[in-house]
Amino acid sequence: MGLPMKPARALFAAALVAIPALAFAQQHKPVQHQAGVQAPKLEIHLTVQRAKLDNGLRVVLAPDHTSPTVAVDVVYDVGGRNEERGHAGFAHLFEHMMFQGSQNVARGEHFKLVTSHGGTLNGSTSEDRTNYFEMLPRSELPLALWLEGDRMRALDISQFNFENQRKVVEEEYRMRVSNAPYVPAELRLDSMVNQGYWPYEHPAIGNMADLDAAQLQWVREFHDKFYAPNNAVVSISGDFEPEEAMALVRKYFGPIKPQPNVPPYNPGPFPVQKAPREAIVVDDHAEFPAIMMGWPIPPDRTKDHYALEMLGMLLSDGDSSRLVSTLVRERAIATDVDASTGDRRGPDTFYVTLKVASSSTVPQVQHAFDAILQRIQHTPPTDEEMKKLRNRIESHFLFGLQSNFARAQKLAEFELYWGDANLLMGELDKYRAVTKQDITRVAAQYLKPETRSRVEVKPGAGAAAAAAAGKGH
């Protein structure tokens, strides 16, 4: 499932606002770490209730009275992976369309109503899902559920709204992809790792050609297929009474008709890669050269995926991690490094990004990385490293679930992806079960030369001119 605080690589949304924390209990049950050191075992204690309406809508409730706020997250089981060829970006387009009005809410009123009542709101799109959320004072729970129910039931998909939001999305594409340093290379890498596997081969934000060619009827048909109660989860977290919340959910969502023919997700097998793939991306906005690498790995929440997540942390999480300590701090041949999993429902990708310092070269950094990886593939992490990894995982995981919104979102995704929000409570034990031998094994098994895709980023003339201008000042 990925650590809750880790940013999604291909997620398109605005920044979130933090809200007061939930206290997690520390259970004084000794847990034997690999190094032989005993430490208190941290556990997740969330009160979670699940329900399902007659129209198929799944509901997850996580009451917590430590702060007078409430978060509502509506997650639809539709993302980039559900789009047809030629219709890339439709899920992301609807992230915008869903704020353009519904039967009882005029265009722009959704934002005004939430913010004028002391709340914040947004939406986000990934390859695996689309979500819409509100964070409000506890007294405004009826407002949030009414707004979400109204647009699920009767969204205003007019020609005007469609044309208006198509322009907005195209401008977002120019700003967040075309003119953003290193992003074109990231998308190119994803297309190489997932070559021949359409669900993840194309980005969730779509592309300009498909957006230009889109027709209103296509967009309406896409909406009718996926945006229905039996293809969604409503998750509520914060200061509320479950009985009251369920009564409101039934009132505002219960009358909505289900979609009897939600298209099944049948992507076909993932193509086997037998040789490395290489590409060069010239980036006018990149300040430094960079190396981006990706390998196909098993889906999220599989046994080896937990080990691969810990491998990513071993490589780049914190000053003492292998890549940071060696490439950035000691040798100063890289300015920034990152290693992580994409945390997709699957198949997933293991990513490594290395930005090359001006005093170094791409071959020098590549050689240094290869040496570090080979060492991990043959020699397990130390006991001290494993202790740090487990401590950091607990910290990331627990603090990542502090806010009402973070809990609502993560519980909704577990309900949608894996069929039971309560599975979230067992995640820390899955990480704790990973051994040092597991990390070495998955590094050797999945990060192989023949399955690697690699993109070299070369700063273009524009980047060189900008750097020269900066030095002149």
Protein backbone atom coordinates (compact mmCIF):
# COMPACT_ATOMS: atom_id res chain seq x y z
CA MET A 1 0.00 0.00 0.00
CA GLY A 2 2.98 2.30 0.34
CA LEU A 3 3.73 4.53 3.29
CA PRO A 4 0.92 7.07 3.72
CA MET A 5 3.13 10.15 3.52
CA LYS A 6 4.94 9.13 0.35
CA PRO A 7 3.89 11.26 -2.66
CA ALA A 8 2.39 9.43 -5.59
CA ARG A 9 4.55 9.74 -8.67
CA ALA A 10 1.76 10.35 -11.16
CA LEU A 11 -0.85 11.99 -8.96
CA PHE A 12 -2.35 15.27 -10.07
CA ALA A 13 -3.77 17.38 -7.25
CA ALA A 14 -3.18 20.52 -5.24
CA ALA A 15 -1.46 20.57 -1.85
CA LEU A 16 -3.42 19.25 1.10
CA VAL A 17 -4.07 21.06 4.38
CA ALA A 18 -3.10 19.27 7.58
CA ILE A 19 -5.59 19.00 10.43
CA PRO A 20 -5.12 17.98 14.08
CA ALA A 21 -3.56 14.68 14.97
CA LEU A 22 -4.90 11.37 16.19
CA ALA A 23 -3.02 9.80 19.08
CA PHE A 24 -1.80 6.29 18.36
CA ALA A 25 -1.37 3.89 21.23
CA GLN A 26 2.00 2.45 22.14
CA GLN A 27 1.53 -1.11 23.26
CA HIS A 28 4.19 -2.34 25.64
CA LYS A 29 4.53 -5.71 24.01
CA PRO A 30 8.18 -6.52 23.37
CA VAL A 31 9.03 -7.13 19.75
CA GLN A 32 12.31 -8.90 18.95
CA HIS A 33 14.18 -7.00 16.23
CA GLN A 34 16.82 -8.69 14.11
CA ALA A 35 19.60 -7.05 16.09
CA GLY A 36 18.31 -8.64 19.28
CA VAL A 37 17.07 -5.33 20.72
CA GLN A 38 13.59 -5.17 22.23
CA ALA A 39 11.43 -2.09 21.73
CA PRO A 40 7.81 -1.14 22.42
CA LYS A 41 5.56 -2.15 19.56
CA LEU A 42 3.47 0.62 18.03
CA GLU A 43 0.02 -0.36 16.88
CA ILE A 44 -2.73 1.33 14.88
CA HIS A 45 -5.98 1.68 16.77
CA LEU A 46 -8.75 3.02 14.56
CA THR A 47 -12.44 2.44 15.10
CA VAL A 48 -13.66 1.44 11.64
CA GLN A 49 -17.19 0.59 10.61
CA ARG A 50 -18.15 -0.60 7.14
CA ALA A 51 -21.50 -0.66 5.40
CA LYS A 52 -22.98 -1.07 1.95
CA LEU A 53 -26.12 0.57 0.57
CA ASP A 54 -28.65 -1.23 -1.61
CA ASN A 55 -27.31 0.63 -4.67
CA GLY A 56 -23.82 -0.79 -4.08
CA LEU A 57 -22.17 2.25 -2.47
CA ARG A 58 -19.56 1.17 0.07
CA VAL A 59 -19.24 3.29 3.22
CA VAL A 60 -16.33 3.46 5.67
CA LEU A 61 -16.65 5.31 8.96
CA ALA A 62 -13.70 6.15 11.26
CA PRO A 63 -14.99 8.27 14.16
CA ASP A 64 -12.42 10.07 16.32
CA HIS A 65 -13.35 12.84 18.72
CA THR A 66 -9.91 14.32 19.40
CA SER A 67 -10.50 17.31 17.12
CA PRO A 68 -13.76 19.03 16.06
CA THR A 69 -13.26 18.41 12.37
CA VAL A 70 -14.41 15.88 9.81
CA ALA A 71 -13.11 14.72 6.43
CA VAL A 72 -15.17 13.18 3.64
CA ASP A 73 -13.43 11.38 0.80
CA VAL A 74 -15.35 9.94 -2.15
CA VAL A 75 -13.19 7.59 -4.19
CA TYR A 76 -14.30 6.29 -7.59
CA ASP A 77 -12.83 3.11 -9.03
CA VAL A 78 -11.69 4.86 -12.20
CA GLY A 79 -8.34 6.28 -13.19
CA GLY A 80 -5.94 6.34 -16.08
CA ARG A 81 -5.87 2.54 -16.20
CA ASN A 82 -9.57 2.44 -17.19
CA GLU A 83 -9.23 4.72 -20.22
CA GLU A 84 -9.40 3.51 -23.79
CA ARG A 85 -6.75 4.33 -26.36
CA GLY A 86 -7.52 7.71 -27.85
CA HIS A 87 -9.32 8.78 -24.66
CA ALA A 88 -6.30 9.34 -22.41
CA GLY A 89 -6.86 11.84 -19.62
CA PHE A 90 -10.64 11.48 -19.31
CA ALA A 91 -10.48 10.55 -15.60
CA HIS A 92 -8.34 13.62 -14.93
CA LEU A 93 -10.72 15.75 -16.99
CA PHE A 94 -13.54 14.65 -14.68
CA GLU A 95 -11.51 15.65 -11.66
CA HIS A 96 -12.15 19.15 -13.01
CA MET A 97 -15.66 18.58 -14.40
CA MET A 98 -16.92 17.44 -10.99
CA PHE A 99 -16.51 21.00 -9.66
CA GLN A 100 -18.51 22.63 -12.46
CA GLY A 101 -21.95 22.26 -10.95
CA SER A 102 -24.76 19.75 -10.54
CA GLN A 103 -28.54 19.86 -10.36
CA ASN A 104 -28.75 21.85 -7.14
CA VAL A 105 -25.29 23.45 -7.11
CA ALA A 106 -24.34 26.14 -9.60
CA ARG A 107 -20.95 26.23 -11.29
CA GLY A 108 -18.37 27.44 -8.77
CA GLU A 109 -20.75 27.12 -5.80
CA HIS A 110 -19.19 23.89 -4.50
CA PHE A 111 -15.97 25.76 -3.68
CA LYS A 112 -17.82 28.77 -2.25
CA LEU A 113 -20.06 26.71 0.01
CA VAL A 114 -17.20 24.70 1.49
CA THR A 115 -14.76 27.57 2.00
CA SER A 116 -17.44 29.90 3.41
CA HIS A 117 -18.20 27.25 6.04
CA GLY A 118 -14.58 27.00 7.17
CA GLY A 119 -13.48 24.08 5.03
CA THR A 120 -11.08 23.08 2.29
CA LEU A 121 -11.61 20.75 -0.66
CA ASN A 122 -9.97 19.29 -3.73
CA GLY A 123 -9.69 16.23 -5.93
CA SER A 124 -6.90 14.11 -7.34
CA THR A 125 -6.40 11.58 -10.11
CA SER A 126 -3.99 8.67 -10.39
CA GLU A 127 -3.75 5.67 -12.66
CA ASP A 128 -5.75 3.66 -10.11
CA ARG A 129 -8.54 5.93 -8.87
CA THR A 130 -10.09 9.41 -8.72
CA ASN A 131 -11.10 11.04 -5.45
CA TYR A 132 -12.93 14.14 -4.23
CA PHE A 133 -12.77 15.37 -0.67
CA GLU A 134 -13.82 18.01 1.82
CA MET A 135 -12.37 18.87 5.23
CA LEU A 136 -14.76 20.85 7.41
CA PRO A 137 -15.79 21.65 10.99
CA ARG A 138 -17.73 18.72 12.44
CA SER A 139 -21.06 20.58 12.20
CA GLU A 140 -20.74 20.76 8.40
CA LEU A 141 -20.78 17.02 7.68
CA PRO A 142 -24.30 17.29 6.16
CA LEU A 143 -23.05 19.94 3.73
CA ALA A 144 -20.17 17.79 2.49
CA LEU A 145 -22.35 14.71 1.98
CA TRP A 146 -25.09 16.70 0.25
CA LEU A 147 -22.59 18.25 -2.16
CA GLU A 148 -20.98 14.91 -3.00
CA GLY A 149 -24.32 13.17 -3.38
CA ASP A 150 -25.68 15.87 -5.68
CA ARG A 151 -22.80 15.65 -8.13
CA MET A 152 -22.74 11.86 -8.07
CA ARG A 153 -26.44 11.88 -8.93
CA ALA A 154 -26.71 14.78 -11.39
CA LEU A 155 -23.45 16.28 -12.65
CA ASP A 156 -23.79 19.12 -15.16
CA ILE A 157 -21.91 17.80 -18.20
CA SER A 158 -22.73 20.64 -20.57
CA GLN A 159 -20.92 21.70 -23.73
CA PHE A 160 -19.86 24.92 -22.01
CA ASN A 161 -18.41 23.14 -18.95
CA PHE A 162 -16.69 20.58 -21.15
CA GLU A 163 -15.01 23.16 -23.38
CA ASN A 164 -14.08 25.33 -20.43
CA GLN A 165 -12.45 22.53 -18.45
CA ARG A 166 -10.72 21.05 -21.49
CA LYS A 167 -8.87 24.37 -21.80
CA VAL A 168 -8.06 24.32 -18.09
CA VAL A 169 -6.64 20.80 -18.29
CA GLU A 170 -4.60 21.63 -21.39
CA GLU A 171 -3.14 24.64 -19.59
CA GLU A 172 -2.37 22.43 -16.60
CA TYR A 173 -0.60 20.00 -18.94
CA ARG A 174 1.57 22.81 -20.30
CA MET A 175 2.38 24.04 -16.80
CA ARG A 176 2.90 20.72 -15.00
CA VAL A 177 4.36 18.62 -17.81
CA SER A 178 5.62 20.51 -20.84
CA ASN A 179 7.24 23.33 -18.84
CA ALA A 180 8.15 21.41 -15.68
CA PRO A 181 11.77 20.27 -15.29
CA TYR A 182 12.32 16.50 -15.42
CA VAL A 183 8.59 15.65 -15.70
CA PRO A 184 8.69 14.78 -19.44
CA ALA A 185 11.52 12.37 -18.65
CA GLU A 186 9.53 10.79 -15.80
CA LEU A 187 6.59 10.18 -18.12
CA ARG A 188 8.91 8.82 -20.79
CA LEU A 189 10.36 6.40 -18.27
CA ASP A 190 6.90 5.18 -17.26
CA SER A 191 6.01 4.55 -20.89
CA MET A 192 9.22 2.51 -21.33
CA VAL A 193 8.81 0.39 -18.18
CA ASN A 194 5.17 -0.31 -19.11
CA GLN A 195 5.73 -0.63 -22.84
CA GLY A 196 2.85 -2.60 -24.35
CA TYR A 197 0.75 -2.35 -21.17
CA TRP A 198 -1.71 0.45 -21.85
CA PRO A 199 -3.13 0.98 -18.31
CA TYR A 200 0.19 2.37 -17.04
CA GLU A 201 1.93 3.11 -20.32
CA HIS A 202 0.12 6.46 -20.60
CA PRO A 203 0.04 9.16 -17.89
CA ALA A 204 -3.05 9.91 -15.81
CA ILE A 205 -2.92 13.55 -16.88
CA GLY A 206 -3.51 12.47 -20.49
CA ASN A 207 -2.05 14.11 -23.57
CA MET A 208 -2.82 17.14 -25.68
CA ALA A 209 -3.79 15.19 -28.80
CA ASP A 210 -6.49 13.14 -27.06
CA LEU A 211 -7.83 16.18 -25.21
CA ASP A 212 -8.03 18.17 -28.46
CA ALA A 213 -9.89 15.33 -30.19
CA ALA A 214 -12.30 14.61 -27.32
CA GLN A 215 -16.02 14.95 -28.03
CA LEU A 216 -18.77 15.75 -25.52
CA GLN A 217 -20.58 12.47 -26.20
CA TRP A 218 -17.43 10.46 -25.47
CA VAL A 219 -17.01 12.30 -22.17
CA ARG A 220 -20.65 11.71 -21.18
CA GLU A 221 -20.35 8.01 -21.97
CA PHE A 222 -17.19 7.77 -19.86
CA HIS A 223 -19.00 9.42 -16.96
CA ASP A 224 -22.03 7.16 -17.25
CA LYS A 225 -19.86 4.04 -17.12
CA PHE A 226 -17.85 4.79 -14.00
CA TYR A 227 -19.29 7.55 -11.81
CA ALA A 228 -21.94 5.54 -10.01
CA PRO A 229 -22.53 4.50 -6.39
CA ASN A 230 -21.67 0.85 -7.03
CA ASN A 231 -18.26 1.97 -8.33
CA ALA A 232 -17.38 4.20 -5.38
CA VAL A 233 -16.52 4.36 -1.69
CA VAL A 234 -17.53 7.13 0.71
CA SER A 235 -15.11 7.40 3.62
CA ILE A 236 -15.69 9.67 6.65
CA SER A 237 -13.10 10.30 9.35
CA GLY A 238 -13.19 12.66 12.33
CA ASP A 239 -15.57 13.99 14.96
CA PHE A 240 -18.99 12.55 14.15
CA GLU A 241 -21.49 9.99 15.36
CA PRO A 242 -21.72 6.91 13.10
CA GLU A 243 -25.51 6.64 13.30
CA GLU A 244 -25.92 10.27 12.26
CA ALA A 245 -23.40 9.89 9.43
CA MET A 246 -25.05 6.74 8.06
CA ALA A 247 -28.45 8.43 8.12
CA LEU A 248 -27.01 11.29 6.06
CA VAL A 249 -25.29 8.92 3.63
CA ARG A 250 -28.54 7.03 3.08
CA LYS A 251 -30.43 10.29 2.60
CA TYR A 252 -28.10 11.82 0.03
CA PHE A 253 -26.69 8.75 -1.72
CA GLY A 254 -29.31 6.05 -1.22
CA PRO A 255 -31.69 7.20 -4.01
CA ILE A 256 -28.91 7.30 -6.65
CA LYS A 257 -29.32 4.56 -9.23
CA PRO A 258 -26.43 2.11 -9.71
CA GLN A 259 -24.69 1.48 -13.02
CA PRO A 260 -25.49 -2.13 -13.96
CA ASN A 261 -22.77 -2.34 -16.61
CA VAL A 262 -19.55 -0.97 -15.12
CA PRO A 263 -16.87 -2.13 -17.58
CA PRO A 264 -14.75 -4.93 -16.11
CA TYR A 265 -11.04 -4.26 -15.79
CA ASN A 266 -9.26 -6.77 -18.03
CA PRO A 267 -5.85 -5.35 -18.96
CA GLY A 268 -4.30 -8.59 -20.15
CA PRO A 269 -0.84 -9.89 -19.20
CA PHE A 270 2.11 -7.62 -18.55
CA PRO A 271 4.67 -7.99 -21.40
CA VAL A 272 7.94 -9.66 -20.48
CA GLN A 273 10.97 -7.41 -20.97
CA LYS A 274 14.03 -9.27 -22.23
CA ALA A 275 16.49 -6.45 -22.93
CA PRO A 276 17.30 -3.06 -21.37
CA ARG A 277 15.66 0.05 -22.79
CA GLU A 278 17.43 3.38 -23.17
CA ALA A 279 16.30 6.90 -24.09
CA ILE A 280 17.60 10.46 -23.99
CA VAL A 281 15.32 13.40 -23.15
CA VAL A 282 16.56 16.92 -23.84
CA ASP A 283 14.95 19.17 -21.23
CA ASP A 284 15.13 22.95 -21.61
CA HIS A 285 13.92 23.37 -18.03
CA ALA A 286 16.32 20.97 -16.29
CA GLU A 287 19.19 22.59 -14.43
CA PHE A 288 21.30 19.44 -14.02
CA PRO A 289 21.72 16.25 -16.04
CA ALA A 290 19.89 13.32 -14.51
CA ILE A 291 19.63 9.55 -14.69
CA MET A 292 16.20 7.98 -14.28
CA MET A 293 15.81 4.22 -14.05
CA GLY A 294 12.81 1.95 -13.63
CA TRP A 295 12.19 -1.78 -13.25
CA PRO A 296 8.86 -3.65 -13.32
CA ILE A 297 8.02 -5.16 -9.94
CA PRO A 298 5.05 -6.99 -8.36
CA PRO A 299 1.85 -5.15 -7.40
CA ASP A 300 1.39 -3.16 -4.22
CA ARG A 301 0.70 -5.12 -1.00
CA THR A 302 2.43 -8.30 -2.19
CA LYS A 303 5.14 -9.81 0.01
CA ASP A 304 8.02 -8.76 -2.23
CA HIS A 305 6.60 -5.26 -2.60
CA TYR A 306 7.05 -4.61 1.12
CA ALA A 307 10.69 -5.65 0.80
CA LEU A 308 11.15 -3.43 -2.26
CA GLU A 309 9.70 -0.46 -0.39
CA MET A 310 12.24 -1.04 2.35
CA LEU A 311 14.96 -1.33 -0.30
CA GLY A 312 13.97 2.12 -1.56
CA MET A 313 14.27 3.50 1.96
CA LEU A 314 17.64 1.82 2.44
CA LEU A 315 18.85 3.53 -0.71
CA SER A 316 17.52 7.06 -0.29
CA ASP A 317 15.53 7.76 2.89
CA GLY A 318 17.58 9.99 5.16
CA ASP A 319 21.16 11.21 5.36
CA SER A 320 22.47 7.79 6.39
CA SER A 321 20.88 6.00 3.41
CA ARG A 322 23.26 4.41 0.91
CA LEU A 323 22.77 6.83 -2.00
CA VAL A 324 22.55 10.02 0.05
CA SER A 325 25.54 9.26 2.25
CA THR A 326 27.77 8.15 -0.65
CA LEU A 327 26.74 10.12 -3.74
CA VAL A 328 25.55 13.36 -2.15
CA ARG A 329 27.35 13.81 1.16
CA GLU A 330 30.68 12.01 0.80
CA ARG A 331 31.53 12.24 -2.91
CA ALA A 332 29.29 15.18 -3.86
CA ILE A 333 28.75 13.78 -7.35
CA ALA A 334 24.95 13.99 -7.16
CA THR A 335 22.75 16.86 -5.99
CA ASP A 336 19.61 14.83 -5.35
CA VAL A 337 18.73 11.14 -5.23
CA ASP A 338 15.55 9.14 -4.85
CA ALA A 339 14.61 5.47 -4.86
CA SER A 340 11.01 4.35 -4.36
CA THR A 341 8.15 2.21 -5.55
CA GLY A 342 5.19 3.64 -7.45
CA ASP A 343 2.65 1.91 -5.16
CA ARG A 344 0.24 1.03 -7.96
CA ARG A 345 -2.39 -1.67 -7.74
CA GLY A 346 -0.23 -3.44 -10.20
CA PRO A 347 2.02 -4.24 -11.77
CA ASP A 348 4.23 -1.62 -10.14
CA THR A 349 7.58 0.07 -10.84
CA PHE A 350 10.76 0.58 -8.81
CA TYR A 351 12.20 4.02 -9.59
CA VAL A 352 15.64 5.52 -9.11
CA THR A 353 16.43 9.16 -9.93
CA LEU A 354 19.93 10.60 -9.70
CA LYS A 355 20.60 14.29 -10.46
CA VAL A 356 24.19 14.79 -11.49
CA ALA A 357 26.28 17.54 -9.86
CA SER A 358 27.99 20.07 -12.13
CA SER A 359 31.38 18.81 -10.94
CA SER A 360 30.60 15.25 -12.05
CA THR A 361 29.48 13.29 -15.13
CA VAL A 362 26.65 10.95 -15.97
CA PRO A 363 28.98 7.91 -16.42
CA GLN A 364 30.62 8.62 -13.07
CA VAL A 365 27.31 8.74 -11.21
CA GLN A 366 25.96 5.70 -13.05
CA HIS A 367 29.06 3.67 -12.18
CA ALA A 368 28.81 4.69 -8.51
CA PHE A 369 25.12 3.72 -8.36
CA ASP A 370 25.76 0.37 -10.03
CA ALA A 371 28.42 -0.43 -7.44
CA ILE A 372 26.07 0.41 -4.55
CA LEU A 373 23.27 -1.69 -6.04
CA GLN A 374 25.54 -4.66 -6.67
CA ARG A 375 26.74 -4.57 -3.08
CA ILE A 376 23.14 -4.66 -1.80
CA GLN A 377 22.35 -7.51 -4.19
CA HIS A 378 25.13 -9.61 -2.64
CA THR A 379 25.40 -8.38 0.96
CA PRO A 380 22.38 -7.92 3.24
CA PRO A 381 21.85 -4.66 5.16
CA THR A 382 23.40 -4.46 8.61
CA ASP A 383 21.41 -4.98 11.80
CA GLU A 384 21.76 -1.27 12.53
CA GLU A 385 20.35 -0.38 9.11
CA MET A 386 17.40 -2.72 9.65
CA LYS A 387 16.69 -1.12 13.01
CA LYS A 388 16.68 2.34 11.41
CA LEU A 389 14.44 1.14 8.58
CA ARG A 390 11.87 -0.26 10.97
CA ASN A 391 11.92 2.88 13.10
CA ARG A 392 11.47 5.12 10.06
CA ILE A 393 8.68 2.95 8.68
CA GLU A 394 6.78 3.18 11.95
CA SER A 395 7.32 6.94 12.05
CA HIS A 396 6.27 7.50 8.43
CA PHE A 397 3.30 5.20 8.72
CA LEU A 398 1.84 6.46 11.97
CA PHE A 399 2.46 10.15 11.43
CA GLY A 400 1.17 9.71 7.89
CA LEU A 401 -2.23 8.79 9.32
CA GLN A 402 -2.50 11.73 11.72
CA SER A 403 -4.95 13.90 9.81
CA ASN A 404 -8.61 13.09 9.34
CA PHE A 405 -8.19 13.38 5.59
CA ALA A 406 -5.19 11.03 5.46
CA ARG A 407 -7.15 8.38 7.35
CA ALA A 408 -10.28 8.86 5.24
CA GLN A 409 -8.29 8.55 2.03
CA LYS A 410 -6.23 5.54 3.05
CA LEU A 411 -9.23 3.66 4.45
CA ALA A 412 -11.22 4.41 1.29
CA GLU A 413 -8.43 3.10 -0.91
CA PHE A 414 -8.11 -0.10 1.11
CA GLU A 415 -11.86 -0.65 0.83
CA LEU A 416 -11.82 0.07 -2.91
CA TYR A 417 -8.61 -1.75 -3.87
CA TRP A 418 -8.50 -4.68 -1.48
CA GLY A 419 -12.09 -5.10 -0.32
CA ASP A 420 -11.72 -4.26 3.38
CA ALA A 421 -10.63 -0.99 5.01
CA ASN A 422 -9.66 -2.91 8.17
CA LEU A 423 -6.69 -4.43 6.35
CA LEU A 424 -4.90 -1.13 6.95
CA MET A 425 -4.48 -2.08 10.60
CA GLY A 426 -2.22 -5.01 9.70
CA GLU A 427 0.16 -3.15 7.41
CA LEU A 428 2.92 -2.38 9.90
CA ASP A 429 3.35 -6.08 10.65
CA LYS A 430 3.87 -6.74 6.93
CA TYR A 431 6.84 -4.36 6.96
CA ARG A 432 8.13 -5.75 10.25
CA ALA A 433 8.16 -9.24 8.73
CA VAL A 434 10.68 -8.21 6.04
CA THR A 435 14.15 -9.58 6.76
CA LYS A 436 17.54 -8.33 5.64
CA GLN A 437 17.77 -11.41 3.40
CA ASP A 438 14.46 -10.44 1.77
CA ILE A 439 15.86 -7.02 0.83
CA THR A 440 18.96 -8.53 -0.77
CA ARG A 441 16.87 -11.13 -2.58
CA VAL A 442 14.40 -8.68 -4.13
CA ALA A 443 17.22 -6.33 -5.13
CA ALA A 444 18.83 -9.16 -7.09
CA GLN A 445 15.57 -10.66 -8.37
CA TYR A 446 13.89 -7.53 -9.72
CA LEU A 447 16.57 -4.90 -10.33
CA LYS A 448 18.25 -6.76 -13.18
CA PRO A 449 20.10 -5.18 -16.13
CA GLU A 450 17.85 -6.83 -18.73
CA THR A 451 14.62 -5.47 -17.18
CA ARG A 452 15.89 -1.96 -16.60
CA SER A 453 14.58 1.07 -18.48
CA ARG A 454 16.82 4.12 -18.35
CA VAL A 455 16.32 7.74 -19.36
CA GLU A 456 19.18 10.22 -19.46
CA VAL A 457 18.09 13.84 -19.05
CA LYS A 458 20.22 16.40 -20.87
CA PRO A 459 19.66 20.08 -20.07
CA GLY A 460 18.79 21.94 -23.27
CA ALA A 461 19.79 25.34 -24.57
CA GLY A 462 17.09 27.04 -22.51
CA ALA A 463 18.42 25.60 -19.26
CA ALA A 464 21.98 26.61 -20.14
CA ALA A 465 20.89 30.15 -20.94
CA ALA A 466 18.94 30.42 -17.68
CA ALA A 467 21.95 29.15 -15.69
CA ALA A 468 24.24 31.64 -17.42
CA ALA A 469 21.84 34.48 -16.71
CA GLY A 470 21.67 33.47 -13.07
CA LYS A 471 25.45 33.50 -12.73
CA GLY A 472 25.53 36.94 -14.28
CA HIS A 473 23.52 38.31 -11.38
